[in-house]
């Protein structure tokens, strides 16, 4: 039987409505894995926003945003 993942990492541009199926970057078992995916070059490439959603808590628990200067900021 397949193991259910707990965290969804969404990656999208902030000028588009995010959080849809096309914005799923990865599914992970642990928060640490989700953070690694959210901070990866692949996750941030061509995106302005990366969010980690906890399926058990049913809410976004951490977000990363690209600033105007190109730096990434973490928001909890």
PDB file of N, CA and C in Angstrom:
ATOM      1  N   UNK A   1       0.845  -1.186   0.000  1.00  0.00           N
ATOM      2  CA  UNK A   1       0.000   0.000   0.000  1.00  0.00           C
ATOM      3  C   UNK A   1       0.891   1.250   0.000  1.00  0.00           C
ATOM      4  N   UNK A   2       0.546   2.204  -0.824  1.00  0.00           N
ATOM      5  CA  UNK A   2       1.326   3.439  -0.949  1.00  0.00           C
ATOM      6  C   UNK A   2       1.175   4.296   0.301  1.00  0.00           C
ATOM      7  N   UNK A   3       2.279   4.902   0.679  1.00  0.00           N
ATOM      8  CA  UNK A   3       2.280   5.779   1.845  1.00  0.00           C
ATOM      9  C   UNK A   3       1.720   7.153   1.466  1.00  0.00           C
ATOM     10  N   UNK A   4       0.854   7.700   2.296  1.00  0.00           N
ATOM     11  CA  UNK A   4       0.304   9.030   2.059  1.00  0.00           C
ATOM     12  C   UNK A   4       1.322  10.086   2.457  1.00  0.00           C
ATOM     13  N   UNK A   5       1.460  11.088   1.627  1.00  0.00           N
ATOM     14  CA  UNK A   5       2.355  12.211   1.907  1.00  0.00           C
ATOM     15  C   UNK A   5       1.611  13.219   2.772  1.00  0.00           C
ATOM     16  N   UNK A   6       2.355  13.965   3.585  1.00  0.00           N
ATOM     17  CA  UNK A   6       1.731  14.927   4.490  1.00  0.00           C
ATOM     18  C   UNK A   6       1.813  16.362   3.977  1.00  0.00           C
ATOM     19  N   UNK A   7       2.884  16.716   3.271  1.00  0.00           N
ATOM     20  CA  UNK A   7       3.110  18.106   2.873  1.00  0.00           C
ATOM     21  C   UNK A   7       3.068  18.260   1.349  1.00  0.00           C
ATOM     22  N   UNK A   8       2.437  19.348   0.905  1.00  0.00           N
ATOM     23  CA  UNK A   8       2.421  19.712  -0.506  1.00  0.00           C
ATOM     24  C   UNK A   8       3.214  21.005  -0.650  1.00  0.00           C
ATOM     25  N   UNK A   9       4.146  21.019  -1.591  1.00  0.00           N
ATOM     26  CA  UNK A   9       4.907  22.228  -1.885  1.00  0.00           C
ATOM     27  C   UNK A   9       4.354  22.804  -3.188  1.00  0.00           C
ATOM     28  N   UNK A  10       3.782  24.004  -3.098  1.00  0.00           N
ATOM     29  CA  UNK A  10       3.252  24.715  -4.257  1.00  0.00           C
ATOM     30  C   UNK A  10       4.275  25.764  -4.683  1.00  0.00           C
ATOM     31  N   UNK A  11       4.475  25.924  -5.984  1.00  0.00           N
ATOM     32  CA  UNK A  11       5.375  26.955  -6.512  1.00  0.00           C
ATOM     33  C   UNK A  11       4.672  27.635  -7.685  1.00  0.00           C
ATOM     34  N   UNK A  12       4.598  28.988  -7.635  1.00  0.00           N
ATOM     35  CA  UNK A  12       3.869  29.725  -8.681  1.00  0.00           C
ATOM     36  C   UNK A  12       4.302  31.183  -8.698  1.00  0.00           C
ATOM     37  N   UNK A  13       3.905  31.886  -9.735  1.00  0.00           N
ATOM     38  CA  UNK A  13       4.142  33.328  -9.828  1.00  0.00           C
ATOM     39  C   UNK A  13       3.055  34.053  -9.058  1.00  0.00           C
ATOM     40  N   UNK A  14       3.413  35.103  -8.347  1.00  0.00           N
ATOM     41  CA  UNK A  14       2.436  35.805  -7.507  1.00  0.00           C
ATOM     42  C   UNK A  14       1.387  36.558  -8.315  1.00  0.00           C
ATOM     43  N   UNK A  15       1.622  36.810  -9.588  1.00  0.00           N
ATOM     44  CA  UNK A  15       0.615  37.511 -10.393  1.00  0.00           C
ATOM     45  C   UNK A  15      -0.456  36.556 -10.926  1.00  0.00           C
ATOM     46  N   UNK A  16      -0.301  35.263 -10.682  1.00  0.00           N
ATOM     47  CA  UNK A  16      -1.301  34.274 -11.062  1.00  0.00           C
ATOM     48  C   UNK A  16      -1.951  33.706  -9.804  1.00  0.00           C
ATOM     49  N   UNK A  17      -3.146  33.215  -9.944  1.00  0.00           N
ATOM     50  CA  UNK A  17      -3.797  32.572  -8.812  1.00  0.00           C
ATOM     51  C   UNK A  17      -3.085  31.247  -8.545  1.00  0.00           C
ATOM     52  N   UNK A  18      -2.586  31.059  -7.331  1.00  0.00           N
ATOM     53  CA  UNK A  18      -1.794  29.881  -7.013  1.00  0.00           C
ATOM     54  C   UNK A  18      -2.552  28.830  -6.226  1.00  0.00           C
ATOM     55  N   UNK A  19      -1.916  27.696  -6.067  1.00  0.00           N
ATOM     56  CA  UNK A  19      -2.466  26.640  -5.236  1.00  0.00           C
ATOM     57  C   UNK A  19      -3.245  25.586  -5.985  1.00  0.00           C
ATOM     58  N   UNK A  20      -3.240  25.643  -7.308  1.00  0.00           N
ATOM     59  CA  UNK A  20      -3.943  24.629  -8.085  1.00  0.00           C
ATOM     60  C   UNK A  20      -3.054  23.430  -8.363  1.00  0.00           C
ATOM     61  N   UNK A  21      -3.622  22.417  -8.967  1.00  0.00           N
ATOM     62  CA  UNK A  21      -2.884  21.183  -9.264  1.00  0.00           C
ATOM     63  C   UNK A  21      -1.658  21.436 -10.134  1.00  0.00           C
ATOM     64  N   UNK A  22      -1.727  22.396 -11.033  1.00  0.00           N
ATOM     65  CA  UNK A  22      -0.581  22.687 -11.889  1.00  0.00           C
ATOM     66  C   UNK A  22       0.563  23.355 -11.129  1.00  0.00           C
ATOM     67  N   UNK A  23       0.306  23.833  -9.931  1.00  0.00           N
ATOM     68  CA  UNK A  23       1.320  24.510  -9.125  1.00  0.00           C
ATOM     69  C   UNK A  23       2.011  23.582  -8.126  1.00  0.00           C
ATOM     70  N   UNK A  24       1.635  22.312  -8.094  1.00  0.00           N
ATOM     71  CA  UNK A  24       2.266  21.379  -7.157  1.00  0.00           C
ATOM     72  C   UNK A  24       3.686  21.092  -7.635  1.00  0.00           C
ATOM     73  N   UNK A  25       4.647  21.439  -6.784  1.00  0.00           N
ATOM     74  CA  UNK A  25       6.055  21.175  -7.085  1.00  0.00           C
ATOM     75  C   UNK A  25       6.454  19.801  -6.571  1.00  0.00           C
ATOM     76  N   UNK A  26       6.013  19.456  -5.345  1.00  0.00           N
ATOM     77  CA  UNK A  26       6.347  18.146  -4.796  1.00  0.00           C
ATOM     78  C   UNK A  26       5.440  17.799  -3.629  1.00  0.00           C
ATOM     79  N   UNK A  27       5.439  16.526  -3.287  1.00  0.00           N
ATOM     80  CA  UNK A  27       4.743  15.983  -2.122  1.00  0.00           C
ATOM     81  C   UNK A  27       5.800  15.314  -1.257  1.00  0.00           C
ATOM     82  N   UNK A  28       5.765  15.569   0.052  1.00  0.00           N
ATOM     83  CA  UNK A  28       6.788  15.009   0.929  1.00  0.00           C
ATOM     84  C   UNK A  28       6.172  14.422   2.196  1.00  0.00           C
ATOM     85  N   UNK A  29       6.956  13.586   2.860  1.00  0.00           N
ATOM     86  CA  UNK A  29       6.533  12.983   4.124  1.00  0.00           C
ATOM     87  C   UNK A  29       6.839  13.872   5.315  1.00  0.00           C
ATOM     88  N   UNK A  30       7.962  14.593   5.268  1.00  0.00           N
ATOM     89  CA  UNK A  30       8.395  15.383   6.421  1.00  0.00           C
ATOM     90  C   UNK A  30       8.486  16.862   6.059  1.00  0.00           C
ATOM     91  N   UNK A  31       8.430  17.699   7.092  1.00  0.00           N
ATOM     92  CA  UNK A  31       8.568  19.141   6.886  1.00  0.00           C
ATOM     93  C   UNK A  31       9.965  19.475   6.369  1.00  0.00           C
ATOM     94  N   UNK A  32      10.972  18.766   6.842  1.00  0.00           N
ATOM     95  CA  UNK A  32      12.347  19.004   6.397  1.00  0.00           C
ATOM     96  C   UNK A  32      12.487  18.767   4.896  1.00  0.00           C
ATOM     97  N   UNK A  33      11.867  17.694   4.403  1.00  0.00           N
ATOM     98  CA  UNK A  33      11.884  17.425   2.963  1.00  0.00           C
ATOM     99  C   UNK A  33      11.146  18.529   2.194  1.00  0.00           C
ATOM    100  N   UNK A  34      10.050  19.007   2.756  1.00  0.00           N
ATOM    101  CA  UNK A  34       9.281  20.075   2.119  1.00  0.00           C
ATOM    102  C   UNK A  34      10.106  21.359   2.052  1.00  0.00           C
ATOM    103  N   UNK A  35      10.812  21.681   3.123  1.00  0.00           N
ATOM    104  CA  UNK A  35      11.681  22.870   3.126  1.00  0.00           C
ATOM    105  C   UNK A  35      12.772  22.754   2.073  1.00  0.00           C
ATOM    106  N   UNK A  36      13.375  21.582   1.969  1.00  0.00           N
ATOM    107  CA  UNK A  36      14.419  21.374   0.965  1.00  0.00           C
ATOM    108  C   UNK A  36      13.861  21.576  -0.439  1.00  0.00           C
ATOM    109  N   UNK A  37      12.679  21.044  -0.698  1.00  0.00           N
ATOM    110  CA  UNK A  37      12.047  21.208  -2.008  1.00  0.00           C
ATOM    111  C   UNK A  37      11.711  22.671  -2.262  1.00  0.00           C
ATOM    112  N   UNK A  38      11.218  23.361  -1.241  1.00  0.00           N
ATOM    113  CA  UNK A  38      10.843  24.774  -1.384  1.00  0.00           C
ATOM    114  C   UNK A  38      12.054  25.660  -1.633  1.00  0.00           C
ATOM    115  N   UNK A  39      13.190  25.280  -1.110  1.00  0.00           N
ATOM    116  CA  UNK A  39      14.406  26.084  -1.263  1.00  0.00           C
ATOM    117  C   UNK A  39      15.257  25.644  -2.451  1.00  0.00           C
ATOM    118  N   UNK A  40      14.829  24.623  -3.158  1.00  0.00           N
ATOM    119  CA  UNK A  40      15.611  24.115  -4.290  1.00  0.00           C
ATOM    120  C   UNK A  40      15.550  25.087  -5.470  1.00  0.00           C
ATOM    121  N   UNK A  41      16.564  25.040  -6.283  1.00  0.00           N
ATOM    122  CA  UNK A  41      16.593  25.863  -7.498  1.00  0.00           C
ATOM    123  C   UNK A  41      15.423  25.516  -8.408  1.00  0.00           C
ATOM    124  N   UNK A  42      15.102  24.238  -8.486  1.00  0.00           N
ATOM    125  CA  UNK A  42      13.983  23.797  -9.320  1.00  0.00           C
ATOM    126  C   UNK A  42      12.656  24.380  -8.830  1.00  0.00           C
ATOM    127  N   UNK A  43      12.467  24.426  -7.499  1.00  0.00           N
ATOM    128  CA  UNK A  43      11.231  24.964  -6.934  1.00  0.00           C
ATOM    129  C   UNK A  43      11.095  26.462  -7.111  1.00  0.00           C
ATOM    130  N   UNK A  44      12.218  27.163  -7.081  1.00  0.00           N
ATOM    131  CA  UNK A  44      12.186  28.617  -7.159  1.00  0.00           C
ATOM    132  C   UNK A  44      12.352  29.154  -8.572  1.00  0.00           C
ATOM    133  N   UNK A  45      12.841  28.345  -9.463  1.00  0.00           N
ATOM    134  CA  UNK A  45      13.064  28.767 -10.843  1.00  0.00           C
ATOM    135  C   UNK A  45      11.746  29.171 -11.499  1.00  0.00           C
ATOM    136  N   UNK A  46      11.725  30.366 -12.044  1.00  0.00           N
ATOM    137  CA  UNK A  46      10.549  30.902 -12.754  1.00  0.00           C
ATOM    138  C   UNK A  46       9.320  31.048 -11.858  1.00  0.00           C
ATOM    139  N   UNK A  47       9.503  31.132 -10.564  1.00  0.00           N
ATOM    140  CA  UNK A  47       8.397  31.320  -9.619  1.00  0.00           C
ATOM    141  C   UNK A  47       8.732  32.469  -8.675  1.00  0.00           C
ATOM    142  N   UNK A  48       7.691  33.101  -8.150  1.00  0.00           N
ATOM    143  CA  UNK A  48       7.871  34.179  -7.175  1.00  0.00           C
ATOM    144  C   UNK A  48       7.418  33.774  -5.784  1.00  0.00           C
ATOM    145  N   UNK A  49       6.636  32.719  -5.684  1.00  0.00           N
ATOM    146  CA  UNK A  49       6.077  32.288  -4.413  1.00  0.00           C
ATOM    147  C   UNK A  49       6.167  30.772  -4.298  1.00  0.00           C
ATOM    148  N   UNK A  50       6.588  30.301  -3.126  1.00  0.00           N
ATOM    149  CA  UNK A  50       6.608  28.869  -2.820  1.00  0.00           C
ATOM    150  C   UNK A  50       5.952  28.702  -1.459  1.00  0.00           C
ATOM    151  N   UNK A  51       4.965  27.820  -1.364  1.00  0.00           N
ATOM    152  CA  UNK A  51       4.246  27.601  -0.105  1.00  0.00           C
ATOM    153  C   UNK A  51       4.284  26.131   0.280  1.00  0.00           C
ATOM    154  N   UNK A  52       4.333  25.896   1.586  1.00  0.00           N
ATOM    155  CA  UNK A  52       4.257  24.533   2.111  1.00  0.00           C
ATOM    156  C   UNK A  52       2.919  24.389   2.814  1.00  0.00           C
ATOM    157  N   UNK A  53       2.141  23.435   2.353  1.00  0.00           N
ATOM    158  CA  UNK A  53       0.803  23.184   2.894  1.00  0.00           C
ATOM    159  C   UNK A  53       0.830  21.863   3.652  1.00  0.00           C
ATOM    160  N   UNK A  54       0.324  21.875   4.896  1.00  0.00           N
ATOM    161  CA  UNK A  54       0.251  20.682   5.732  1.00  0.00           C
ATOM    162  C   UNK A  54      -1.145  20.073   5.592  1.00  0.00           C
ATOM    163  N   UNK A  55      -1.224  18.893   5.035  1.00  0.00           N
ATOM    164  CA  UNK A  55      -2.516  18.243   4.798  1.00  0.00           C
ATOM    165  C   UNK A  55      -3.215  17.912   6.113  1.00  0.00           C
ATOM    166  N   UNK A  56      -2.460  17.485   7.130  1.00  0.00           N
ATOM    167  CA  UNK A  56      -3.077  17.129   8.414  1.00  0.00           C
ATOM    168  C   UNK A  56      -3.660  18.337   9.126  1.00  0.00           C
ATOM    169  N   UNK A  57      -2.961  19.482   9.083  1.00  0.00           N
ATOM    170  CA  UNK A  57      -3.454  20.694   9.737  1.00  0.00           C
ATOM    171  C   UNK A  57      -4.411  21.476   8.838  1.00  0.00           C
ATOM    172  N   UNK A  58      -4.454  21.107   7.568  1.00  0.00           N
ATOM    173  CA  UNK A  58      -5.305  21.756   6.571  1.00  0.00           C
ATOM    174  C   UNK A  58      -5.049  23.257   6.458  1.00  0.00           C
ATOM    175  N   UNK A  59      -3.749  23.622   6.374  1.00  0.00           N
ATOM    176  CA  UNK A  59      -3.394  25.032   6.203  1.00  0.00           C
ATOM    177  C   UNK A  59      -1.965  25.162   5.692  1.00  0.00           C
ATOM    178  N   UNK A  60      -1.693  26.309   5.061  1.00  0.00           N
ATOM    179  CA  UNK A  60      -0.333  26.649   4.655  1.00  0.00           C
ATOM    180  C   UNK A  60       0.445  26.993   5.907  1.00  0.00           C
ATOM    181  N   UNK A  61       1.609  26.391   6.066  1.00  0.00           N
ATOM    182  CA  UNK A  61       2.358  26.624   7.307  1.00  0.00           C
ATOM    183  C   UNK A  61       3.626  27.434   7.093  1.00  0.00           C
ATOM    184  N   UNK A  62       4.033  27.608   5.844  1.00  0.00           N
ATOM    185  CA  UNK A  62       5.252  28.363   5.585  1.00  0.00           C
ATOM    186  C   UNK A  62       5.220  28.827   4.132  1.00  0.00           C
ATOM    187  N   UNK A  63       5.677  30.056   3.891  1.00  0.00           N
ATOM    188  CA  UNK A  63       5.727  30.593   2.532  1.00  0.00           C
ATOM    189  C   UNK A  63       7.066  31.261   2.302  1.00  0.00           C
ATOM    190  N   UNK A  64       7.488  31.269   1.062  1.00  0.00           N
ATOM    191  CA  UNK A  64       8.700  31.958   0.642  1.00  0.00           C
ATOM    192  C   UNK A  64       8.308  32.885  -0.505  1.00  0.00           C
ATOM    193  N   UNK A  65       8.787  34.133  -0.459  1.00  0.00           N
ATOM    194  CA  UNK A  65       8.470  35.117  -1.487  1.00  0.00           C
ATOM    195  C   UNK A  65       9.751  35.723  -2.037  1.00  0.00           C
ATOM    196  N   UNK A  66       9.769  35.960  -3.356  1.00  0.00           N
ATOM    197  CA  UNK A  66      10.897  36.654  -3.973  1.00  0.00           C
ATOM    198  C   UNK A  66      10.609  38.152  -3.914  1.00  0.00           C
ATOM    199  N   UNK A  67      11.545  38.915  -3.370  1.00  0.00           N
ATOM    200  CA  UNK A  67      11.383  40.362  -3.276  1.00  0.00           C
ATOM    201  C   UNK A  67      11.712  41.012  -4.617  1.00  0.00           C
ATOM    202  N   UNK A  68      11.464  42.310  -4.719  1.00  0.00           N
ATOM    203  CA  UNK A  68      11.754  43.062  -5.930  1.00  0.00           C
ATOM    204  C   UNK A  68      13.242  42.987  -6.262  1.00  0.00           C
ATOM    205  N   UNK A  69      14.082  42.946  -5.236  1.00  0.00           N
ATOM    206  CA  UNK A  69      15.524  42.866  -5.461  1.00  0.00           C
ATOM    207  C   UNK A  69      15.997  41.458  -5.794  1.00  0.00           C
ATOM    208  N   UNK A  70      15.087  40.478  -5.771  1.00  0.00           N
ATOM    209  CA  UNK A  70      15.442  39.104  -6.131  1.00  0.00           C
ATOM    210  C   UNK A  70      15.788  38.207  -4.957  1.00  0.00           C
ATOM    211  N   UNK A  71      15.773  38.754  -3.745  1.00  0.00           N
ATOM    212  CA  UNK A  71      16.057  37.953  -2.559  1.00  0.00           C
ATOM    213  C   UNK A  71      14.813  37.165  -2.157  1.00  0.00           C
ATOM    214  N   UNK A  72      15.023  36.024  -1.511  1.00  0.00           N
ATOM    215  CA  UNK A  72      13.916  35.218  -1.011  1.00  0.00           C
ATOM    216  C   UNK A  72      13.721  35.465   0.471  1.00  0.00           C
ATOM    217  N   UNK A  73      12.459  35.648   0.883  1.00  0.00           N
ATOM    218  CA  UNK A  73      12.097  35.914   2.273  1.00  0.00           C
ATOM    219  C   UNK A  73      11.160  34.809   2.740  1.00  0.00           C
ATOM    220  N   UNK A  74      11.373  34.331   3.946  1.00  0.00           N
ATOM    221  CA  UNK A  74      10.521  33.295   4.523  1.00  0.00           C
ATOM    222  C   UNK A  74       9.466  33.959   5.401  1.00  0.00           C
ATOM    223  N   UNK A  75       8.234  33.519   5.249  1.00  0.00           N
ATOM    224  CA  UNK A  75       7.100  34.042   6.034  1.00  0.00           C
ATOM    225  C   UNK A  75       6.364  32.856   6.643  1.00  0.00           C
ATOM    226  N   UNK A  76       6.174  32.895   7.960  1.00  0.00           N
ATOM    227  CA  UNK A  76       5.486  31.771   8.616  1.00  0.00           C
ATOM    228  C   UNK A  76       4.130  32.179   9.089  1.00  0.00           C
TER     229      UNK A  76
END
